[in-house]
Amino acid sequence: MSLEAYLFWGLVFGSIGGGYFMYGRKRPNGLAIVCGLALIIYPYFINSLWSMIGIGVLLMAIPLVVRR
């Protein structure tokens, strides 16, 4: 895959992670904070584009599925 695809998906998941992080800080929600930080950081360590997309979707779904 191309470098542009990595950059695009890293930007998408990083932006969504920033939103989760701000939401978790506004309403004390530790799970949203942790998932937000993970979404911001993990694209730096993943080499496969499809793994990046899969992990990103999984991290985005965790706060929606796990409700307290």
PDB file of N, CA and C in Angstrom:
ATOM      1  N   MET A   1       0.835  -1.178   0.000  1.00  0.00           N
ATOM      2  CA  MET A   1       0.000   0.000   0.000  1.00  0.00           C
ATOM      3  C   MET A   1       0.886   1.251   0.000  1.00  0.00           C
ATOM      4  N   SER A   2       0.268   2.338  -0.241  1.00  0.00           N
ATOM      5  CA  SER A   2       1.035   3.576  -0.395  1.00  0.00           C
ATOM      6  C   SER A   2       1.188   4.318   0.932  1.00  0.00           C
ATOM      7  N   LEU A   3       2.175   5.168   0.953  1.00  0.00           N
ATOM      8  CA  LEU A   3       2.438   5.993   2.128  1.00  0.00           C
ATOM      9  C   LEU A   3       1.260   6.916   2.423  1.00  0.00           C
ATOM     10  N   GLU A   4       0.601   7.378   1.374  1.00  0.00           N
ATOM     11  CA  GLU A   4      -0.539   8.274   1.563  1.00  0.00           C
ATOM     12  C   GLU A   4      -1.661   7.596   2.338  1.00  0.00           C
ATOM     13  N   ALA A   5      -1.863   6.314   2.095  1.00  0.00           N
ATOM     14  CA  ALA A   5      -2.908   5.576   2.807  1.00  0.00           C
ATOM     15  C   ALA A   5      -2.583   5.479   4.300  1.00  0.00           C
ATOM     16  N   TYR A   6      -1.316   5.204   4.630  1.00  0.00           N
ATOM     17  CA  TYR A   6      -0.913   5.163   6.035  1.00  0.00           C
ATOM     18  C   TYR A   6      -1.128   6.513   6.709  1.00  0.00           C
ATOM     19  N   LEU A   7      -0.732   7.562   6.035  1.00  0.00           N
ATOM     20  CA  LEU A   7      -0.896   8.897   6.604  1.00  0.00           C
ATOM     21  C   LEU A   7      -2.369   9.251   6.782  1.00  0.00           C
ATOM     22  N   PHE A   8      -3.179   8.928   5.785  1.00  0.00           N
ATOM     23  CA  PHE A   8      -4.602   9.235   5.858  1.00  0.00           C
ATOM     24  C   PHE A   8      -5.255   8.507   7.023  1.00  0.00           C
ATOM     25  N   TRP A   9      -5.054   7.195   7.104  1.00  0.00           N
ATOM     26  CA  TRP A   9      -5.698   6.435   8.174  1.00  0.00           C
ATOM     27  C   TRP A   9      -5.134   6.783   9.547  1.00  0.00           C
ATOM     28  N   GLY A  10      -3.847   7.099   9.619  1.00  0.00           N
ATOM     29  CA  GLY A  10      -3.280   7.564  10.885  1.00  0.00           C
ATOM     30  C   GLY A  10      -3.904   8.868  11.332  1.00  0.00           C
ATOM     31  N   LEU A  11      -4.147   9.774  10.379  1.00  0.00           N
ATOM     32  CA  LEU A  11      -4.802  11.041  10.686  1.00  0.00           C
ATOM     33  C   LEU A  11      -6.249  10.823  11.124  1.00  0.00           C
ATOM     34  N   VAL A  12      -6.960   9.942  10.445  1.00  0.00           N
ATOM     35  CA  VAL A  12      -8.361   9.664  10.790  1.00  0.00           C
ATOM     36  C   VAL A  12      -8.459   9.103  12.206  1.00  0.00           C
ATOM     37  N   PHE A  13      -7.671   8.056  12.483  1.00  0.00           N
ATOM     38  CA  PHE A  13      -7.764   7.441  13.811  1.00  0.00           C
ATOM     39  C   PHE A  13      -7.207   8.346  14.896  1.00  0.00           C
ATOM     40  N   GLY A  14      -6.195   9.128  14.599  1.00  0.00           N
ATOM     41  CA  GLY A  14      -5.679  10.086  15.578  1.00  0.00           C
ATOM     42  C   GLY A  14      -6.700  11.162  15.915  1.00  0.00           C
ATOM     43  N   SER A  15      -7.432  11.632  14.911  1.00  0.00           N
ATOM     44  CA  SER A  15      -8.469  12.648  15.149  1.00  0.00           C
ATOM     45  C   SER A  15      -9.616  12.081  15.978  1.00  0.00           C
ATOM     46  N   ILE A  16     -10.033  10.887  15.643  1.00  0.00           N
ATOM     47  CA  ILE A  16     -11.103  10.249  16.426  1.00  0.00           C
ATOM     48  C   ILE A  16     -10.608   9.987  17.851  1.00  0.00           C
ATOM     49  N   GLY A  17      -9.359   9.588  17.995  1.00  0.00           N
ATOM     50  CA  GLY A  17      -8.782   9.383  19.326  1.00  0.00           C
ATOM     51  C   GLY A  17      -8.748  10.666  20.135  1.00  0.00           C
ATOM     52  N   GLY A  18      -8.442  11.777  19.484  1.00  0.00           N
ATOM     53  CA  GLY A  18      -8.478  13.069  20.181  1.00  0.00           C
ATOM     54  C   GLY A  18      -9.873  13.407  20.662  1.00  0.00           C
ATOM     55  N   GLY A  19     -10.863  13.089  19.844  1.00  0.00           N
ATOM     56  CA  GLY A  19     -12.257  13.310  20.251  1.00  0.00           C
ATOM     57  C   GLY A  19     -12.655  12.435  21.423  1.00  0.00           C
ATOM     58  N   TYR A  20     -12.247  11.162  21.390  1.00  0.00           N
ATOM     59  CA  TYR A  20     -12.533  10.264  22.517  1.00  0.00           C
ATOM     60  C   TYR A  20     -11.850  10.761  23.785  1.00  0.00           C
ATOM     61  N   PHE A  21     -10.616  11.227  23.640  1.00  0.00           N
ATOM     62  CA  PHE A  21      -9.877  11.706  24.808  1.00  0.00           C
ATOM     63  C   PHE A  21     -10.552  12.929  25.425  1.00  0.00           C
ATOM     64  N   MET A  22     -10.958  13.877  24.587  1.00  0.00           N
ATOM     65  CA  MET A  22     -11.629  15.076  25.111  1.00  0.00           C
ATOM     66  C   MET A  22     -12.974  14.715  25.736  1.00  0.00           C
ATOM     67  N   TYR A  23     -13.711  13.792  25.122  1.00  0.00           N
ATOM     68  CA  TYR A  23     -14.985  13.345  25.691  1.00  0.00           C
ATOM     69  C   TYR A  23     -14.758  12.683  27.051  1.00  0.00           C
ATOM     70  N   GLY A  24     -13.725  11.853  27.141  1.00  0.00           N
ATOM     71  CA  GLY A  24     -13.435  11.164  28.402  1.00  0.00           C
ATOM     72  C   GLY A  24     -13.010  12.108  29.505  1.00  0.00           C
ATOM     73  N   ARG A  25     -12.364  13.198  29.153  1.00  0.00           N
ATOM     74  CA  ARG A  25     -11.978  14.174  30.168  1.00  0.00           C
ATOM     75  C   ARG A  25     -13.156  15.041  30.587  1.00  0.00           C
ATOM     76  N   LYS A  26     -14.041  15.356  29.647  1.00  0.00           N
ATOM     77  CA  LYS A  26     -15.189  16.199  29.967  1.00  0.00           C
ATOM     78  C   LYS A  26     -16.162  15.464  30.888  1.00  0.00           C
ATOM     79  N   ARG A  27     -16.443  14.238  30.533  1.00  0.00           N
ATOM     80  CA  ARG A  27     -17.253  13.367  31.382  1.00  0.00           C
ATOM     81  C   ARG A  27     -16.338  12.275  31.885  1.00  0.00           C
ATOM     82  N   PRO A  28     -16.088  12.221  33.173  1.00  0.00           N
ATOM     83  CA  PRO A  28     -15.084  11.274  33.684  1.00  0.00           C
ATOM     84  C   PRO A  28     -15.355   9.835  33.227  1.00  0.00           C
ATOM     85  N   ASN A  29     -14.713   9.468  32.125  1.00  0.00           N
ATOM     86  CA  ASN A  29     -14.873   8.149  31.538  1.00  0.00           C
ATOM     87  C   ASN A  29     -13.482   7.630  31.202  1.00  0.00           C
ATOM     88  N   GLY A  30     -12.949   6.806  32.083  1.00  0.00           N
ATOM     89  CA  GLY A  30     -11.594   6.294  31.926  1.00  0.00           C
ATOM     90  C   GLY A  30     -11.405   5.452  30.682  1.00  0.00           C
ATOM     91  N   LEU A  31     -12.430   4.701  30.313  1.00  0.00           N
ATOM     92  CA  LEU A  31     -12.327   3.850  29.137  1.00  0.00           C
ATOM     93  C   LEU A  31     -12.180   4.683  27.860  1.00  0.00           C
ATOM     94  N   ALA A  32     -12.918   5.766  27.761  1.00  0.00           N
ATOM     95  CA  ALA A  32     -12.814   6.644  26.593  1.00  0.00           C
ATOM     96  C   ALA A  32     -11.447   7.320  26.547  1.00  0.00           C
ATOM     97  N   ILE A  33     -10.906   7.686  27.692  1.00  0.00           N
ATOM     98  CA  ILE A  33      -9.577   8.301  27.732  1.00  0.00           C
ATOM     99  C   ILE A  33      -8.519   7.313  27.262  1.00  0.00           C
ATOM    100  N   VAL A  34      -8.574   6.092  27.771  1.00  0.00           N
ATOM    101  CA  VAL A  34      -7.580   5.081  27.402  1.00  0.00           C
ATOM    102  C   VAL A  34      -7.677   4.729  25.921  1.00  0.00           C
ATOM    103  N   CYS A  35      -8.898   4.529  25.425  1.00  0.00           N
ATOM    104  CA  CYS A  35      -9.068   4.210  24.007  1.00  0.00           C
ATOM    105  C   CYS A  35      -8.662   5.390  23.128  1.00  0.00           C
ATOM    106  N   GLY A  36      -8.936   6.598  23.576  1.00  0.00           N
ATOM    107  CA  GLY A  36      -8.514   7.774  22.822  1.00  0.00           C
ATOM    108  C   GLY A  36      -7.003   7.880  22.719  1.00  0.00           C
ATOM    109  N   LEU A  37      -6.311   7.672  23.823  1.00  0.00           N
ATOM    110  CA  LEU A  37      -4.846   7.703  23.791  1.00  0.00           C
ATOM    111  C   LEU A  37      -4.290   6.575  22.929  1.00  0.00           C
ATOM    112  N   ALA A  38      -4.906   5.396  23.016  1.00  0.00           N
ATOM    113  CA  ALA A  38      -4.456   4.273  22.190  1.00  0.00           C
ATOM    114  C   ALA A  38      -4.659   4.579  20.707  1.00  0.00           C
ATOM    115  N   LEU A  39      -5.783   5.208  20.359  1.00  0.00           N
ATOM    116  CA  LEU A  39      -6.027   5.562  18.964  1.00  0.00           C
ATOM    117  C   LEU A  39      -5.036   6.607  18.461  1.00  0.00           C
ATOM    118  N   ILE A  40      -4.592   7.465  19.331  1.00  0.00           N
ATOM    119  CA  ILE A  40      -3.621   8.480  18.933  1.00  0.00           C
ATOM    120  C   ILE A  40      -2.235   7.864  18.740  1.00  0.00           C
ATOM    121  N   ILE A  41      -1.863   6.936  19.587  1.00  0.00           N
ATOM    122  CA  ILE A  41      -0.489   6.430  19.620  1.00  0.00           C
ATOM    123  C   ILE A  41      -0.246   5.218  18.731  1.00  0.00           C
ATOM    124  N   TYR A  42      -1.193   4.292  18.621  1.00  0.00           N
ATOM    125  CA  TYR A  42      -0.906   3.013  17.979  1.00  0.00           C
ATOM    126  C   TYR A  42      -0.504   3.102  16.505  1.00  0.00           C
ATOM    127  N   PRO A  43      -0.946   4.070  15.698  1.00  0.00           N
ATOM    128  CA  PRO A  43      -0.509   4.054  14.293  1.00  0.00           C
ATOM    129  C   PRO A  43       1.008   4.186  14.110  1.00  0.00           C
ATOM    130  N   TYR A  44       1.713   4.688  15.105  1.00  0.00           N
ATOM    131  CA  TYR A  44       3.164   4.801  15.000  1.00  0.00           C
ATOM    132  C   TYR A  44       3.860   3.439  15.047  1.00  0.00           C
ATOM    133  N   PHE A  45       3.190   2.423  15.581  1.00  0.00           N
ATOM    134  CA  PHE A  45       3.821   1.128  15.805  1.00  0.00           C
ATOM    135  C   PHE A  45       3.319   0.028  14.879  1.00  0.00           C
ATOM    136  N   ILE A  46       2.355   0.296  14.033  1.00  0.00           N
ATOM    137  CA  ILE A  46       1.773  -0.719  13.154  1.00  0.00           C
ATOM    138  C   ILE A  46       2.318  -0.530  11.745  1.00  0.00           C
ATOM    139  N   ASN A  47       2.772  -1.626  11.132  1.00  0.00           N
ATOM    140  CA  ASN A  47       3.340  -1.551   9.792  1.00  0.00           C
ATOM    141  C   ASN A  47       2.358  -1.943   8.695  1.00  0.00           C
ATOM    142  N   SER A  48       1.362  -2.734   9.013  1.00  0.00           N
ATOM    143  CA  SER A  48       0.414  -3.199   8.020  1.00  0.00           C
ATOM    144  C   SER A  48      -0.815  -2.288   7.995  1.00  0.00           C
ATOM    145  N   LEU A  49      -1.208  -1.880   6.806  1.00  0.00           N
ATOM    146  CA  LEU A  49      -2.357  -0.984   6.674  1.00  0.00           C
ATOM    147  C   LEU A  49      -3.633  -1.657   7.158  1.00  0.00           C
ATOM    148  N   TRP A  50      -3.841  -2.915   6.770  1.00  0.00           N
ATOM    149  CA  TRP A  50      -5.068  -3.606   7.173  1.00  0.00           C
ATOM    150  C   TRP A  50      -5.100  -3.860   8.669  1.00  0.00           C
ATOM    151  N   SER A  51      -3.947  -4.103   9.278  1.00  0.00           N
ATOM    152  CA  SER A  51      -3.893  -4.238  10.739  1.00  0.00           C
ATOM    153  C   SER A  51      -4.218  -2.905  11.403  1.00  0.00           C
ATOM    154  N   MET A  52      -3.720  -1.823  10.823  1.00  0.00           N
ATOM    155  CA  MET A  52      -3.997  -0.501  11.373  1.00  0.00           C
ATOM    156  C   MET A  52      -5.496  -0.208  11.339  1.00  0.00           C
ATOM    157  N   ILE A  53      -6.135  -0.517  10.234  1.00  0.00           N
ATOM    158  CA  ILE A  53      -7.573  -0.275  10.110  1.00  0.00           C
ATOM    159  C   ILE A  53      -8.354  -1.166  11.069  1.00  0.00           C
ATOM    160  N   GLY A  54      -7.988  -2.446  11.148  1.00  0.00           N
ATOM    161  CA  GLY A  54      -8.687  -3.371  12.038  1.00  0.00           C
ATOM    162  C   GLY A  54      -8.578  -2.998  13.499  1.00  0.00           C
ATOM    163  N   ILE A  55      -7.369  -2.671  13.939  1.00  0.00           N
ATOM    164  CA  ILE A  55      -7.166  -2.274  15.334  1.00  0.00           C
ATOM    165  C   ILE A  55      -7.874  -0.963  15.627  1.00  0.00           C
ATOM    166  N   GLY A  56      -7.845  -0.042  14.681  1.00  0.00           N
ATOM    167  CA  GLY A  56      -8.526   1.239  14.871  1.00  0.00           C
ATOM    168  C   GLY A  56     -10.024   1.082  15.027  1.00  0.00           C
ATOM    169  N   VAL A  57     -10.618   0.245  14.192  1.00  0.00           N
ATOM    170  CA  VAL A  57     -12.067   0.003  14.296  1.00  0.00           C
ATOM    171  C   VAL A  57     -12.389  -0.668  15.622  1.00  0.00           C
ATOM    172  N   LEU A  58     -11.550  -1.609  16.038  1.00  0.00           N
ATOM    173  CA  LEU A  58     -11.765  -2.287  17.320  1.00  0.00           C
ATOM    174  C   LEU A  58     -11.671  -1.306  18.485  1.00  0.00           C
ATOM    175  N   LEU A  59     -10.645  -0.438  18.468  1.00  0.00           N
ATOM    176  CA  LEU A  59     -10.499   0.541  19.541  1.00  0.00           C
ATOM    177  C   LEU A  59     -11.635   1.562  19.549  1.00  0.00           C
ATOM    178  N   MET A  60     -12.169   1.891  18.369  1.00  0.00           N
ATOM    179  CA  MET A  60     -13.301   2.819  18.323  1.00  0.00           C
ATOM    180  C   MET A  60     -14.573   2.166  18.855  1.00  0.00           C
ATOM    181  N   ALA A  61     -14.704   0.857  18.687  1.00  0.00           N
ATOM    182  CA  ALA A  61     -15.926   0.170  19.091  1.00  0.00           C
ATOM    183  C   ALA A  61     -15.965  -0.139  20.589  1.00  0.00           C
ATOM    184  N   ILE A  62     -14.820  -0.266  21.216  1.00  0.00           N
ATOM    185  CA  ILE A  62     -14.785  -0.667  22.630  1.00  0.00           C
ATOM    186  C   ILE A  62     -15.610   0.260  23.516  1.00  0.00           C
ATOM    187  N   PRO A  63     -15.446   1.585  23.483  1.00  0.00           N
ATOM    188  CA  PRO A  63     -16.262   2.423  24.367  1.00  0.00           C
ATOM    189  C   PRO A  63     -17.752   2.396  24.035  1.00  0.00           C
ATOM    190  N   LEU A  64     -18.093   2.089  22.789  1.00  0.00           N
ATOM    191  CA  LEU A  64     -19.506   2.031  22.418  1.00  0.00           C
ATOM    192  C   LEU A  64     -20.168   0.735  22.874  1.00  0.00           C
ATOM    193  N   VAL A  65     -19.393  -0.352  22.882  1.00  0.00           N
ATOM    194  CA  VAL A  65     -19.936  -1.645  23.269  1.00  0.00           C
ATOM    195  C   VAL A  65     -19.933  -1.828  24.777  1.00  0.00           C
ATOM    196  N   VAL A  66     -18.853  -1.418  25.437  1.00  0.00           N
ATOM    197  CA  VAL A  66     -18.726  -1.571  26.874  1.00  0.00           C
ATOM    198  C   VAL A  66     -19.336  -0.357  27.544  1.00  0.00           C
ATOM    199  N   ARG A  67     -20.507  -0.508  28.038  1.00  0.00           N
ATOM    200  CA  ARG A  67     -21.196   0.580  28.760  1.00  0.00           C
ATOM    201  C   ARG A  67     -21.226   0.239  30.234  1.00  0.00           C
ATOM    202  N   ARG A  68     -21.032   1.229  31.057  1.00  0.00           N
ATOM    203  CA  ARG A  68     -21.071   0.991  32.506  1.00  0.00           C
ATOM    204  C   ARG A  68     -22.440   1.245  33.051  1.00  0.00           C
TER     205      ARG A  68
END
